[in-house]
């Protein structure tokens, strides 16, 4: 039995993995984990994969150059 046959929610797993890769491709590397988490939460909300549509509080960052 290969790995693909062991995945319980295959379609959902592939979709979430795809969204995580989309976040990483868009943001690149070097951010704190929370930045990636917030971006992934926004994509999950956009794709209607979250259980409710309540607004979520996201932290903000200020970049000083």
N, C-alpha and C. Protein backbone atom coordinates (compact mmCIF):
# COMPACT_ATOMS: atom_id res chain seq x y z
N UNK A 1 0.85 -1.18 0.00
CA UNK A 1 0.00 0.00 0.00
C UNK A 1 0.90 1.24 0.00
N UNK A 2 0.72 2.12 -0.97
CA UNK A 2 1.55 3.32 -1.02
C UNK A 2 0.92 4.44 -0.20
N UNK A 3 1.64 5.55 -0.11
CA UNK A 3 1.22 6.67 0.74
C UNK A 3 -0.11 7.26 0.29
N UNK A 4 -0.33 7.37 -1.02
CA UNK A 4 -1.56 7.98 -1.52
C UNK A 4 -2.80 7.19 -1.10
N UNK A 5 -2.68 5.89 -0.93
CA UNK A 5 -3.83 5.09 -0.52
C UNK A 5 -4.12 5.23 0.97
N UNK A 6 -3.18 5.71 1.76
CA UNK A 6 -3.36 5.86 3.20
C UNK A 6 -4.02 7.19 3.58
N UNK A 7 -4.07 8.13 2.65
CA UNK A 7 -4.64 9.44 2.94
C UNK A 7 -6.15 9.31 3.05
N UNK A 8 -6.70 9.73 4.20
CA UNK A 8 -8.14 9.56 4.46
C UNK A 8 -8.96 10.55 3.63
N UNK A 9 -8.67 11.83 3.74
CA UNK A 9 -9.40 12.86 3.00
C UNK A 9 -8.48 13.37 1.89
N UNK A 10 -8.33 12.57 0.85
CA UNK A 10 -7.35 12.84 -0.20
C UNK A 10 -7.60 14.18 -0.89
N UNK A 11 -8.82 14.46 -1.33
CA UNK A 11 -9.11 15.70 -2.05
C UNK A 11 -8.85 16.92 -1.18
N UNK A 12 -9.32 16.86 0.06
CA UNK A 12 -9.10 17.98 0.98
C UNK A 12 -7.62 18.15 1.28
N UNK A 13 -6.91 17.06 1.48
CA UNK A 13 -5.48 17.13 1.78
C UNK A 13 -4.71 17.77 0.64
N UNK A 14 -5.01 17.38 -0.59
CA UNK A 14 -4.32 17.94 -1.74
C UNK A 14 -4.66 19.42 -1.92
N UNK A 15 -5.91 19.79 -1.65
CA UNK A 15 -6.30 21.20 -1.78
C UNK A 15 -5.59 22.07 -0.75
N UNK A 16 -5.54 21.63 0.50
CA UNK A 16 -4.88 22.40 1.56
C UNK A 16 -3.38 22.49 1.28
N UNK A 17 -2.78 21.39 0.84
CA UNK A 17 -1.35 21.41 0.50
C UNK A 17 -1.11 22.38 -0.65
N UNK A 18 -1.98 22.37 -1.64
CA UNK A 18 -1.85 23.30 -2.76
C UNK A 18 -1.95 24.75 -2.32
N UNK A 19 -2.86 25.04 -1.39
CA UNK A 19 -2.99 26.40 -0.89
C UNK A 19 -1.76 26.82 -0.08
N UNK A 20 -1.21 25.89 0.68
CA UNK A 20 0.01 26.19 1.44
C UNK A 20 1.17 26.48 0.50
N UNK A 21 1.28 25.73 -0.58
CA UNK A 21 2.33 26.00 -1.56
C UNK A 21 2.10 27.32 -2.28
N UNK A 22 0.84 27.65 -2.52
CA UNK A 22 0.51 28.94 -3.13
C UNK A 22 0.97 30.09 -2.23
N UNK A 23 0.74 29.96 -0.93
CA UNK A 23 1.19 30.98 0.02
C UNK A 23 2.71 31.10 -0.02
N UNK A 24 3.39 29.97 0.02
CA UNK A 24 4.86 30.00 0.02
C UNK A 24 5.40 30.59 -1.29
N UNK A 25 4.81 30.24 -2.42
CA UNK A 25 5.26 30.79 -3.70
C UNK A 25 5.05 32.30 -3.77
N UNK A 26 3.96 32.77 -3.18
CA UNK A 26 3.65 34.20 -3.22
C UNK A 26 4.55 35.00 -2.27
N UNK A 27 4.72 34.49 -1.04
CA UNK A 27 5.47 35.25 -0.03
C UNK A 27 6.97 34.97 -0.06
N UNK A 28 7.35 33.79 -0.51
CA UNK A 28 8.76 33.43 -0.47
C UNK A 28 9.14 33.00 0.95
N UNK A 29 10.43 32.98 1.20
CA UNK A 29 10.88 32.54 2.52
C UNK A 29 11.36 33.74 3.34
N UNK A 30 11.52 33.51 4.64
CA UNK A 30 12.07 34.54 5.51
C UNK A 30 11.11 35.18 6.48
N UNK A 31 9.85 34.86 6.41
CA UNK A 31 8.88 35.45 7.32
C UNK A 31 8.69 34.56 8.54
N UNK A 32 8.10 35.12 9.58
CA UNK A 32 7.72 34.32 10.73
C UNK A 32 6.58 33.40 10.36
N UNK A 33 6.46 32.32 11.10
CA UNK A 33 5.42 31.32 10.81
C UNK A 33 4.02 31.93 10.86
N UNK A 34 3.81 32.90 11.71
CA UNK A 34 2.50 33.53 11.86
C UNK A 34 2.06 34.22 10.57
N UNK A 35 3.01 34.78 9.82
CA UNK A 35 2.68 35.44 8.56
C UNK A 35 2.11 34.42 7.58
N UNK A 36 2.76 33.27 7.48
CA UNK A 36 2.29 32.21 6.59
C UNK A 36 0.94 31.66 7.06
N UNK A 37 0.78 31.54 8.37
CA UNK A 37 -0.48 31.06 8.93
C UNK A 37 -1.62 32.00 8.58
N UNK A 38 -1.40 33.30 8.74
CA UNK A 38 -2.44 34.28 8.42
C UNK A 38 -2.80 34.25 6.94
N UNK A 39 -1.79 34.16 6.09
CA UNK A 39 -2.04 34.11 4.65
C UNK A 39 -2.82 32.84 4.28
N UNK A 40 -2.46 31.72 4.89
CA UNK A 40 -3.16 30.47 4.62
C UNK A 40 -4.61 30.55 5.12
N UNK A 41 -4.82 31.16 6.27
CA UNK A 41 -6.18 31.33 6.79
C UNK A 41 -7.03 32.17 5.83
N UNK A 42 -6.44 33.20 5.25
CA UNK A 42 -7.18 34.02 4.29
C UNK A 42 -7.57 33.21 3.06
N UNK A 43 -6.64 32.39 2.57
CA UNK A 43 -6.96 31.55 1.41
C UNK A 43 -8.00 30.50 1.76
N UNK A 44 -7.89 29.89 2.93
CA UNK A 44 -8.89 28.90 3.35
C UNK A 44 -10.26 29.54 3.48
N UNK A 45 -10.30 30.76 3.97
CA UNK A 45 -11.57 31.49 4.09
C UNK A 45 -12.12 31.81 2.70
N UNK A 46 -11.25 32.23 1.80
CA UNK A 46 -11.68 32.55 0.43
C UNK A 46 -12.25 31.33 -0.27
N UNK A 47 -11.64 30.18 -0.04
CA UNK A 47 -12.07 28.94 -0.68
C UNK A 47 -13.20 28.24 0.08
N UNK A 48 -13.68 28.86 1.15
CA UNK A 48 -14.80 28.33 1.96
C UNK A 48 -14.46 26.99 2.62
N UNK A 49 -13.23 26.84 3.09
CA UNK A 49 -12.83 25.62 3.80
C UNK A 49 -12.87 25.79 5.32
N UNK A 50 -13.24 26.96 5.80
CA UNK A 50 -13.34 27.18 7.24
C UNK A 50 -14.78 26.94 7.67
N UNK A 51 -14.99 26.48 8.91
CA UNK A 51 -16.34 26.10 9.34
C UNK A 51 -17.33 27.24 9.42
N UNK A 52 -16.89 28.45 9.62
CA UNK A 52 -17.81 29.58 9.68
C UNK A 52 -17.19 30.76 8.96
N UNK A 53 -17.97 31.78 8.72
CA UNK A 53 -17.48 32.95 8.00
C UNK A 53 -17.34 34.17 8.90
N UNK A 54 -17.06 33.92 10.17
CA UNK A 54 -16.85 35.03 11.09
C UNK A 54 -15.53 35.73 10.73
N UNK A 55 -15.51 37.06 10.86
CA UNK A 55 -14.24 37.75 10.59
C UNK A 55 -13.16 37.29 11.55
N UNK A 56 -11.97 37.15 11.06
CA UNK A 56 -10.86 36.71 11.88
C UNK A 56 -9.90 37.85 12.10
N UNK A 57 -9.42 37.94 13.29
CA UNK A 57 -8.47 38.99 13.62
C UNK A 57 -7.09 38.55 13.17
N UNK A 58 -6.50 39.35 12.32
CA UNK A 58 -5.16 39.06 11.83
C UNK A 58 -4.20 40.09 12.40
N UNK A 59 -3.02 39.65 12.72
CA UNK A 59 -2.03 40.58 13.23
C UNK A 59 -1.45 41.37 12.05
N UNK A 60 -0.94 42.53 12.33
CA UNK A 60 -0.35 43.36 11.29
C UNK A 60 1.13 43.56 11.60
N UNK A 61 1.86 43.75 10.54
CA UNK A 61 3.29 44.00 10.67
C UNK A 61 3.64 45.31 10.00
N UNK A 62 4.61 45.98 10.56
CA UNK A 62 5.09 47.23 9.97
C UNK A 62 6.54 47.00 9.56
N UNK A 63 6.82 47.31 8.32
CA UNK A 63 8.18 47.15 7.81
C UNK A 63 8.89 48.48 7.87
N UNK A 64 10.03 48.49 8.49
CA UNK A 64 10.84 49.71 8.56
C UNK A 64 12.07 49.52 7.68
N UNK A 65 12.18 50.36 6.70
CA UNK A 65 13.32 50.28 5.80
C UNK A 65 14.37 51.30 6.14
